[in-house]
Amino acid sequence: MASLTFAGPIGYAAFVLPRDADAAPALQELLDRIDAGTIELLDLEILALGAHGAAERQPTSVLQHGDSFDLSEFDGAQSDLLDAEDLAALGAELSDSELAIVIIYEDRGLAGFAAQVQAQGGRELWTGGVDISELDTLVTESEQEN
């Protein structure tokens, strides 16, 4: 996780799978990113549409995964960082036949770079993310000006 040398931007991503889809390949890829140190997993939420239209948390055991993948790799990963507003918004996008996999993570991709900057007496000044829709607007405006 964040260190005195580097705190990466915190991001989130929500993915939807059919309930009967094999989640093992996607979960293995997520584990590979964690093991490589590219991301630090802060929260993993599995959601299904509830009776009142909001998404409801589910145990990881609801995911189809075959015999080759051990779901216990994600024991303790659910931190419940999503609030009621998040659950309602996600529920509005889900159907009864789908599950959402939501990850909240720290992007550690620049940790090595940050360590080298710090080793030379430098420091992290800013970190953050850019909303993709804002970036698209800026690129479009820039292209129109040129």
N, C-alpha and C. Protein backbone atom coordinates (compact mmCIF):
# COMPACT_ATOMS: atom_id res chain seq x y z
N MET A 1 0.84 -1.18 0.00
CA MET A 1 0.00 0.00 0.00
C MET A 1 0.88 1.23 0.00
N ALA A 2 0.28 2.39 0.10
CA ALA A 2 1.01 3.65 0.09
C ALA A 2 2.16 3.59 1.09
N SER A 3 3.26 4.22 0.72
CA SER A 3 4.43 4.26 1.59
C SER A 3 4.86 5.71 1.73
N LEU A 4 5.92 5.94 2.49
CA LEU A 4 6.44 7.30 2.61
C LEU A 4 7.01 7.77 1.28
N THR A 5 7.38 6.82 0.42
CA THR A 5 7.96 7.15 -0.88
C THR A 5 6.90 7.48 -1.91
N PHE A 6 5.79 6.75 -1.89
CA PHE A 6 4.83 6.90 -2.98
C PHE A 6 3.44 6.46 -2.55
N ALA A 7 2.48 7.28 -2.85
CA ALA A 7 1.07 6.90 -2.70
C ALA A 7 0.45 7.04 -4.08
N GLY A 8 0.10 5.92 -4.66
CA GLY A 8 -0.48 5.94 -6.00
C GLY A 8 -1.92 6.42 -5.97
N PRO A 9 -2.41 6.80 -7.14
CA PRO A 9 -3.81 7.20 -7.21
C PRO A 9 -4.73 6.04 -6.86
N ILE A 10 -5.82 6.35 -6.23
CA ILE A 10 -6.83 5.34 -5.90
C ILE A 10 -7.85 5.33 -7.03
N GLY A 11 -8.13 4.14 -7.53
CA GLY A 11 -9.09 4.00 -8.61
C GLY A 11 -10.13 2.96 -8.28
N TYR A 12 -11.12 2.89 -9.12
CA TYR A 12 -12.14 1.86 -8.98
C TYR A 12 -12.57 1.43 -10.36
N ALA A 13 -13.09 0.25 -10.44
CA ALA A 13 -13.63 -0.27 -11.70
C ALA A 13 -14.75 -1.24 -11.35
N ALA A 14 -15.82 -1.16 -12.11
CA ALA A 14 -16.95 -2.08 -11.93
C ALA A 14 -17.15 -2.83 -13.24
N PHE A 15 -17.21 -4.13 -13.14
CA PHE A 15 -17.39 -5.00 -14.30
C PHE A 15 -18.64 -5.84 -14.08
N VAL A 16 -19.30 -6.21 -15.15
CA VAL A 16 -20.51 -7.02 -15.07
C VAL A 16 -20.28 -8.32 -15.83
N LEU A 17 -20.68 -9.41 -15.20
CA LEU A 17 -20.62 -10.74 -15.82
C LEU A 17 -21.99 -11.40 -15.74
N PRO A 18 -22.32 -12.22 -16.72
CA PRO A 18 -23.51 -13.07 -16.54
C PRO A 18 -23.28 -13.96 -15.32
N ARG A 19 -24.32 -14.25 -14.58
CA ARG A 19 -24.19 -15.07 -13.37
C ARG A 19 -23.53 -16.42 -13.62
N ASP A 20 -23.74 -16.98 -14.83
CA ASP A 20 -23.19 -18.30 -15.11
C ASP A 20 -21.82 -18.26 -15.79
N ALA A 21 -21.23 -17.07 -15.94
CA ALA A 21 -19.91 -16.95 -16.58
C ALA A 21 -18.82 -17.46 -15.65
N ASP A 22 -17.76 -18.00 -16.22
CA ASP A 22 -16.60 -18.45 -15.46
C ASP A 22 -15.75 -17.23 -15.11
N ALA A 23 -15.71 -16.86 -13.85
CA ALA A 23 -14.97 -15.69 -13.40
C ALA A 23 -13.50 -15.99 -13.15
N ALA A 24 -13.10 -17.26 -13.17
CA ALA A 24 -11.73 -17.64 -12.82
C ALA A 24 -10.66 -16.92 -13.64
N PRO A 25 -10.77 -16.85 -14.97
CA PRO A 25 -9.71 -16.16 -15.73
C PRO A 25 -9.56 -14.68 -15.33
N ALA A 26 -10.66 -14.00 -15.12
CA ALA A 26 -10.59 -12.59 -14.72
C ALA A 26 -9.99 -12.46 -13.32
N LEU A 27 -10.41 -13.32 -12.41
CA LEU A 27 -9.88 -13.26 -11.05
C LEU A 27 -8.40 -13.60 -11.02
N GLN A 28 -7.97 -14.53 -11.85
CA GLN A 28 -6.55 -14.87 -11.92
C GLN A 28 -5.75 -13.68 -12.43
N GLU A 29 -6.28 -12.99 -13.43
CA GLU A 29 -5.60 -11.79 -13.94
C GLU A 29 -5.49 -10.72 -12.85
N LEU A 30 -6.54 -10.56 -12.06
CA LEU A 30 -6.51 -9.62 -10.95
C LEU A 30 -5.42 -10.01 -9.95
N LEU A 31 -5.36 -11.29 -9.61
CA LEU A 31 -4.30 -11.77 -8.70
C LEU A 31 -2.92 -11.52 -9.28
N ASP A 32 -2.76 -11.72 -10.58
CA ASP A 32 -1.47 -11.49 -11.23
C ASP A 32 -1.05 -10.03 -11.09
N ARG A 33 -2.00 -9.09 -11.23
CA ARG A 33 -1.69 -7.65 -11.08
C ARG A 33 -1.29 -7.36 -9.63
N ILE A 34 -1.96 -8.00 -8.68
CA ILE A 34 -1.64 -7.81 -7.27
C ILE A 34 -0.25 -8.38 -6.97
N ASP A 35 0.00 -9.61 -7.42
CA ASP A 35 1.28 -10.26 -7.16
C ASP A 35 2.45 -9.51 -7.81
N ALA A 36 2.20 -8.90 -8.96
CA ALA A 36 3.24 -8.14 -9.65
C ALA A 36 3.51 -6.78 -8.99
N GLY A 37 2.64 -6.40 -8.05
CA GLY A 37 2.80 -5.12 -7.37
C GLY A 37 2.28 -3.94 -8.17
N THR A 38 1.57 -4.21 -9.25
CA THR A 38 1.02 -3.15 -10.09
C THR A 38 -0.13 -2.44 -9.39
N ILE A 39 -0.91 -3.20 -8.64
CA ILE A 39 -2.01 -2.61 -7.86
C ILE A 39 -1.99 -3.19 -6.45
N GLU A 40 -2.57 -2.44 -5.56
CA GLU A 40 -2.86 -2.90 -4.19
C GLU A 40 -4.38 -2.94 -4.09
N LEU A 41 -4.93 -4.11 -3.85
CA LEU A 41 -6.38 -4.25 -3.77
C LEU A 41 -6.87 -3.73 -2.43
N LEU A 42 -7.74 -2.74 -2.46
CA LEU A 42 -8.30 -2.16 -1.24
C LEU A 42 -9.67 -2.72 -0.92
N ASP A 43 -10.41 -3.11 -1.95
CA ASP A 43 -11.75 -3.64 -1.74
C ASP A 43 -12.16 -4.45 -2.96
N LEU A 44 -12.80 -5.56 -2.71
CA LEU A 44 -13.39 -6.39 -3.76
C LEU A 44 -14.83 -6.64 -3.35
N GLU A 45 -15.75 -6.21 -4.18
CA GLU A 45 -17.17 -6.37 -3.89
C GLU A 45 -17.82 -7.17 -5.01
N ILE A 46 -18.59 -8.17 -4.64
CA ILE A 46 -19.41 -8.91 -5.59
C ILE A 46 -20.84 -8.49 -5.30
N LEU A 47 -21.55 -8.04 -6.33
CA LEU A 47 -22.88 -7.48 -6.14
C LEU A 47 -23.89 -8.16 -7.05
N ALA A 48 -25.11 -8.27 -6.54
CA ALA A 48 -26.24 -8.76 -7.33
C ALA A 48 -27.40 -7.80 -7.09
N LEU A 49 -28.31 -7.76 -8.03
CA LEU A 49 -29.47 -6.90 -7.91
C LEU A 49 -30.37 -7.41 -6.79
N GLY A 50 -30.70 -6.51 -5.86
CA GLY A 50 -31.56 -6.88 -4.75
C GLY A 50 -33.03 -6.65 -5.06
N ALA A 51 -33.87 -7.07 -4.16
CA ALA A 51 -35.32 -6.98 -4.34
C ALA A 51 -35.81 -5.55 -4.50
N HIS A 52 -35.11 -4.59 -3.91
CA HIS A 52 -35.56 -3.19 -3.97
C HIS A 52 -34.82 -2.38 -5.03
N GLY A 53 -34.12 -3.05 -5.93
CA GLY A 53 -33.47 -2.36 -7.03
C GLY A 53 -32.06 -1.88 -6.76
N ALA A 54 -31.60 -1.99 -5.53
CA ALA A 54 -30.23 -1.62 -5.21
C ALA A 54 -29.36 -2.87 -5.28
N ALA A 55 -28.11 -2.66 -5.56
CA ALA A 55 -27.18 -3.79 -5.56
C ALA A 55 -26.95 -4.24 -4.12
N GLU A 56 -26.82 -5.54 -3.94
CA GLU A 56 -26.55 -6.10 -2.61
C GLU A 56 -25.26 -6.90 -2.66
N ARG A 57 -24.48 -6.79 -1.58
CA ARG A 57 -23.22 -7.53 -1.49
C ARG A 57 -23.48 -9.03 -1.45
N GLN A 58 -22.60 -9.76 -2.12
CA GLN A 58 -22.68 -11.21 -2.18
C GLN A 58 -21.33 -11.79 -1.76
N PRO A 59 -21.31 -13.00 -1.24
CA PRO A 59 -20.03 -13.64 -0.97
C PRO A 59 -19.35 -14.02 -2.29
N THR A 60 -18.04 -14.12 -2.28
CA THR A 60 -17.33 -14.49 -3.50
C THR A 60 -17.75 -15.86 -4.00
N SER A 61 -18.30 -16.68 -3.12
CA SER A 61 -18.71 -18.03 -3.51
C SER A 61 -19.82 -18.05 -4.56
N VAL A 62 -20.49 -16.91 -4.80
CA VAL A 62 -21.52 -16.89 -5.85
C VAL A 62 -20.91 -16.90 -7.24
N LEU A 63 -19.62 -16.59 -7.34
CA LEU A 63 -18.95 -16.57 -8.64
C LEU A 63 -18.67 -17.98 -9.14
N GLN A 64 -18.97 -18.23 -10.40
CA GLN A 64 -18.61 -19.50 -11.03
C GLN A 64 -17.09 -19.47 -11.25
N HIS A 65 -16.41 -20.56 -10.89
CA HIS A 65 -14.96 -20.52 -10.99
C HIS A 65 -14.31 -21.87 -11.29
N GLY A 66 -15.10 -22.90 -11.48
CA GLY A 66 -14.52 -24.21 -11.76
C GLY A 66 -13.70 -24.72 -10.59
N ASP A 67 -13.08 -25.85 -10.78
CA ASP A 67 -12.29 -26.45 -9.70
C ASP A 67 -10.85 -25.95 -9.66
N SER A 68 -10.42 -25.26 -10.71
CA SER A 68 -9.02 -24.89 -10.82
C SER A 68 -8.66 -23.59 -10.08
N PHE A 69 -9.65 -22.85 -9.64
CA PHE A 69 -9.37 -21.56 -8.99
C PHE A 69 -9.85 -21.58 -7.55
N ASP A 70 -9.00 -21.15 -6.65
CA ASP A 70 -9.29 -21.13 -5.22
C ASP A 70 -9.77 -19.74 -4.81
N LEU A 71 -11.07 -19.61 -4.58
CA LEU A 71 -11.64 -18.31 -4.20
C LEU A 71 -11.12 -17.80 -2.86
N SER A 72 -10.54 -18.68 -2.04
CA SER A 72 -10.02 -18.23 -0.75
C SER A 72 -8.87 -17.23 -0.92
N GLU A 73 -8.32 -17.13 -2.13
CA GLU A 73 -7.30 -16.11 -2.41
C GLU A 73 -7.83 -14.71 -2.09
N PHE A 74 -9.15 -14.55 -2.13
CA PHE A 74 -9.75 -13.24 -1.90
C PHE A 74 -10.43 -13.13 -0.53
N ASP A 75 -10.18 -14.10 0.36
CA ASP A 75 -10.72 -14.00 1.71
C ASP A 75 -10.22 -12.71 2.36
N GLY A 76 -11.11 -11.96 2.93
CA GLY A 76 -10.73 -10.72 3.60
C GLY A 76 -10.60 -9.52 2.68
N ALA A 77 -10.84 -9.70 1.39
CA ALA A 77 -10.68 -8.59 0.43
C ALA A 77 -11.87 -7.65 0.42
N GLN A 78 -13.01 -8.09 0.95
CA GLN A 78 -14.20 -7.24 0.96
C GLN A 78 -14.10 -6.27 2.13
N SER A 79 -13.95 -4.99 1.83
CA SER A 79 -13.79 -3.96 2.86
C SER A 79 -15.03 -3.10 3.02
N ASP A 80 -16.05 -3.32 2.19
CA ASP A 80 -17.30 -2.56 2.27
C ASP A 80 -17.10 -1.05 2.11
N LEU A 81 -16.25 -0.65 1.17
CA LEU A 81 -16.01 0.77 0.93
C LEU A 81 -17.13 1.43 0.13
N LEU A 82 -17.94 0.64 -0.55
CA LEU A 82 -19.06 1.20 -1.31
C LEU A 82 -20.16 1.64 -0.34
N ASP A 83 -20.71 2.82 -0.59
CA ASP A 83 -21.79 3.29 0.28
C ASP A 83 -23.15 3.04 -0.39
N ALA A 84 -24.22 3.43 0.29
CA ALA A 84 -25.58 3.17 -0.20
C ALA A 84 -25.81 3.82 -1.57
N GLU A 85 -25.25 5.00 -1.78
CA GLU A 85 -25.39 5.68 -3.07
C GLU A 85 -24.71 4.88 -4.19
N ASP A 86 -23.51 4.36 -3.88
CA ASP A 86 -22.80 3.53 -4.86
C ASP A 86 -23.61 2.29 -5.20
N LEU A 87 -24.15 1.63 -4.17
CA LEU A 87 -24.93 0.41 -4.39
C LEU A 87 -26.17 0.69 -5.22
N ALA A 88 -26.83 1.81 -4.97
CA ALA A 88 -28.02 2.17 -5.76
C ALA A 88 -27.64 2.43 -7.21
N ALA A 89 -26.56 3.15 -7.44
CA ALA A 89 -26.13 3.46 -8.81
C ALA A 89 -25.74 2.19 -9.55
N LEU A 90 -25.03 1.30 -8.90
CA LEU A 90 -24.64 0.04 -9.53
C LEU A 90 -25.86 -0.83 -9.78
N GLY A 91 -26.79 -0.85 -8.84
CA GLY A 91 -28.01 -1.63 -9.01
C GLY A 91 -28.82 -1.18 -10.21
N ALA A 92 -28.78 0.11 -10.51
CA ALA A 92 -29.51 0.65 -11.66
C ALA A 92 -28.97 0.11 -12.98
N GLU A 93 -27.75 -0.39 -12.97
CA GLU A 93 -27.10 -0.89 -14.18
C GLU A 93 -27.15 -2.41 -14.31
N LEU A 94 -27.58 -3.10 -13.26
CA LEU A 94 -27.57 -4.57 -13.24
C LEU A 94 -28.92 -5.16 -13.63
N SER A 95 -28.87 -6.34 -14.21
CA SER A 95 -30.10 -7.11 -14.42
C SER A 95 -30.07 -8.30 -13.47
N ASP A 96 -31.18 -9.00 -13.36
CA ASP A 96 -31.25 -10.16 -12.47
C ASP A 96 -30.28 -11.26 -12.87
N SER A 97 -29.88 -11.30 -14.11
CA SER A 97 -29.01 -12.38 -14.60
C SER A 97 -27.53 -12.02 -14.56
N GLU A 98 -27.19 -10.91 -13.89
CA GLU A 98 -25.81 -10.44 -13.86
C GLU A 98 -25.27 -10.29 -12.44
N LEU A 99 -23.96 -10.35 -12.35
CA LEU A 99 -23.24 -10.03 -11.13
C LEU A 99 -22.24 -8.93 -11.46
N ALA A 100 -22.01 -8.05 -10.51
CA ALA A 100 -20.98 -7.02 -10.68
C ALA A 100 -19.78 -7.40 -9.82
N ILE A 101 -18.62 -7.19 -10.38
CA ILE A 101 -17.37 -7.32 -9.63
C ILE A 101 -16.79 -5.91 -9.58
N VAL A 102 -16.68 -5.38 -8.37
CA VAL A 102 -16.18 -4.02 -8.19
C VAL A 102 -14.87 -4.09 -7.44
N ILE A 103 -13.85 -3.44 -8.00
CA ILE A 103 -12.57 -3.38 -7.30
C ILE A 103 -12.21 -1.92 -7.03
N ILE A 104 -11.70 -1.68 -5.85
CA ILE A 104 -11.13 -0.40 -5.48
C ILE A 104 -9.66 -0.70 -5.20
N TYR A 105 -8.79 0.08 -5.81
CA TYR A 105 -7.38 -0.28 -5.78
C TYR A 105 -6.49 0.96 -5.76
N GLU A 106 -5.27 0.75 -5.30
CA GLU A 106 -4.23 1.77 -5.41
C GLU A 106 -3.36 1.39 -6.60
N ASP A 107 -3.15 2.32 -7.50
CA ASP A 107 -2.29 2.10 -8.66
C ASP A 107 -0.83 2.22 -8.21
N ARG A 108 -0.10 1.10 -8.23
CA ARG A 108 1.29 1.07 -7.78
C ARG A 108 2.27 1.04 -8.96
N GLY A 109 1.78 1.29 -10.17
CA GLY A 109 2.60 1.18 -11.36
C GLY A 109 3.83 2.08 -11.39
N LEU A 110 3.79 3.19 -10.69
CA LEU A 110 4.92 4.12 -10.68
C LEU A 110 5.74 4.06 -9.39
N ALA A 111 5.52 3.05 -8.57
CA ALA A 111 6.22 2.97 -7.29
C ALA A 111 7.74 2.91 -7.47
N GLY A 112 8.22 2.14 -8.45
CA GLY A 112 9.66 2.05 -8.70
C GLY A 112 10.24 3.39 -9.13
N PHE A 113 9.53 4.07 -10.01
CA PHE A 113 9.95 5.41 -10.45
C PHE A 113 10.01 6.35 -9.25
N ALA A 114 8.97 6.32 -8.42
CA ALA A 114 8.92 7.19 -7.24
C ALA A 114 10.08 6.90 -6.29
N ALA A 115 10.43 5.63 -6.14
CA ALA A 115 11.55 5.26 -5.27
C ALA A 115 12.85 5.85 -5.80
N GLN A 116 13.02 5.83 -7.12
CA GLN A 116 14.24 6.39 -7.71
C GLN A 116 14.29 7.91 -7.56
N VAL A 117 13.15 8.58 -7.71
CA VAL A 117 13.10 10.02 -7.50
C VAL A 117 13.46 10.34 -6.06
N GLN A 118 12.89 9.60 -5.13
CA GLN A 118 13.16 9.81 -3.71
C GLN A 118 14.63 9.53 -3.38
N ALA A 119 15.21 8.52 -4.01
CA ALA A 119 16.62 8.19 -3.78
C ALA A 119 17.53 9.33 -4.21
N GLN A 120 17.07 10.17 -5.12
CA GLN A 120 17.86 11.31 -5.59
C GLN A 120 17.49 12.60 -4.85
N GLY A 121 16.76 12.46 -3.76
CA GLY A 121 16.40 13.61 -2.95
C GLY A 121 15.10 14.28 -3.35
N GLY A 122 14.39 13.68 -4.29
CA GLY A 122 13.11 14.24 -4.74
C GLY A 122 11.96 13.72 -3.91
N ARG A 123 10.76 14.13 -4.29
CA ARG A 123 9.57 13.70 -3.57
C ARG A 123 8.37 13.73 -4.51
N GLU A 124 7.36 13.00 -4.14
CA GLU A 124 6.09 13.03 -4.87
C GLU A 124 5.40 14.36 -4.57
N LEU A 125 4.94 15.03 -5.61
CA LEU A 125 4.27 16.31 -5.41
C LEU A 125 2.76 16.16 -5.52
N TRP A 126 2.29 15.57 -6.58
CA TRP A 126 0.86 15.36 -6.80
C TRP A 126 0.64 13.97 -7.33
N THR A 127 -0.53 13.45 -7.07
CA THR A 127 -0.98 12.21 -7.69
C THR A 127 -2.49 12.30 -7.83
N GLY A 128 -3.02 11.64 -8.82
CA GLY A 128 -4.46 11.69 -9.00
C GLY A 128 -4.87 11.05 -10.30
N GLY A 129 -6.13 11.13 -10.57
CA GLY A 129 -6.68 10.55 -11.78
C GLY A 129 -7.36 11.60 -12.63
N VAL A 130 -7.64 11.23 -13.84
CA VAL A 130 -8.35 12.10 -14.77
C VAL A 130 -9.60 11.37 -15.22
N ASP A 131 -10.74 12.03 -15.11
CA ASP A 131 -11.99 11.45 -15.59
C ASP A 131 -11.91 11.32 -17.10
N ILE A 132 -12.14 10.12 -17.62
CA ILE A 132 -11.98 9.86 -19.04
C ILE A 132 -12.90 10.74 -19.89
N SER A 133 -14.09 11.05 -19.40
CA SER A 133 -14.99 11.92 -20.18
C SER A 133 -14.44 13.34 -20.24
N GLU A 134 -13.80 13.82 -19.17
CA GLU A 134 -13.18 15.13 -19.19
C GLU A 134 -12.00 15.15 -20.15
N LEU A 135 -11.21 14.08 -20.14
CA LEU A 135 -10.07 13.98 -21.05
C LEU A 135 -10.53 13.99 -22.50
N ASP A 136 -11.60 13.27 -22.79
CA ASP A 136 -12.14 13.24 -24.15
C ASP A 136 -12.57 14.63 -24.59
N THR A 137 -13.22 15.36 -23.70
CA THR A 137 -13.65 16.73 -24.01
C THR A 137 -12.45 17.62 -24.29
N LEU A 138 -11.41 17.53 -23.46
CA LEU A 138 -10.22 18.35 -23.66
C LEU A 138 -9.52 18.02 -24.97
N VAL A 139 -9.41 16.74 -25.29
CA VAL A 139 -8.77 16.33 -26.55
C VAL A 139 -9.57 16.84 -27.74
N THR A 140 -10.89 16.70 -27.68
CA THR A 140 -11.75 17.17 -28.77
C THR A 140 -11.62 18.68 -28.95
N GLU A 141 -11.64 19.43 -27.86
CA GLU A 141 -11.49 20.89 -27.93
C GLU A 141 -10.14 21.27 -28.50
N SER A 142 -9.09 20.57 -28.08
CA SER A 142 -7.74 20.84 -28.58
C SER A 142 -7.64 20.57 -30.07
N GLU A 143 -8.25 19.50 -30.53
CA GLU A 143 -8.23 19.17 -31.96
C GLU A 143 -8.97 20.22 -32.77
N GLN A 144 -10.06 20.74 -32.23
CA GLN A 144 -10.85 21.75 -32.94
C GLN A 144 -10.10 23.08 -33.03
N GLU A 145 -9.29 23.39 -32.02
CA GLU A 145 -8.52 24.62 -32.02
C GLU A 145 -7.35 24.55 -32.99
N ASN A 146 -6.86 23.35 -33.23
CA ASN A 146 -5.70 23.20 -34.12
C ASN A 146 -6.19 22.84 -35.45
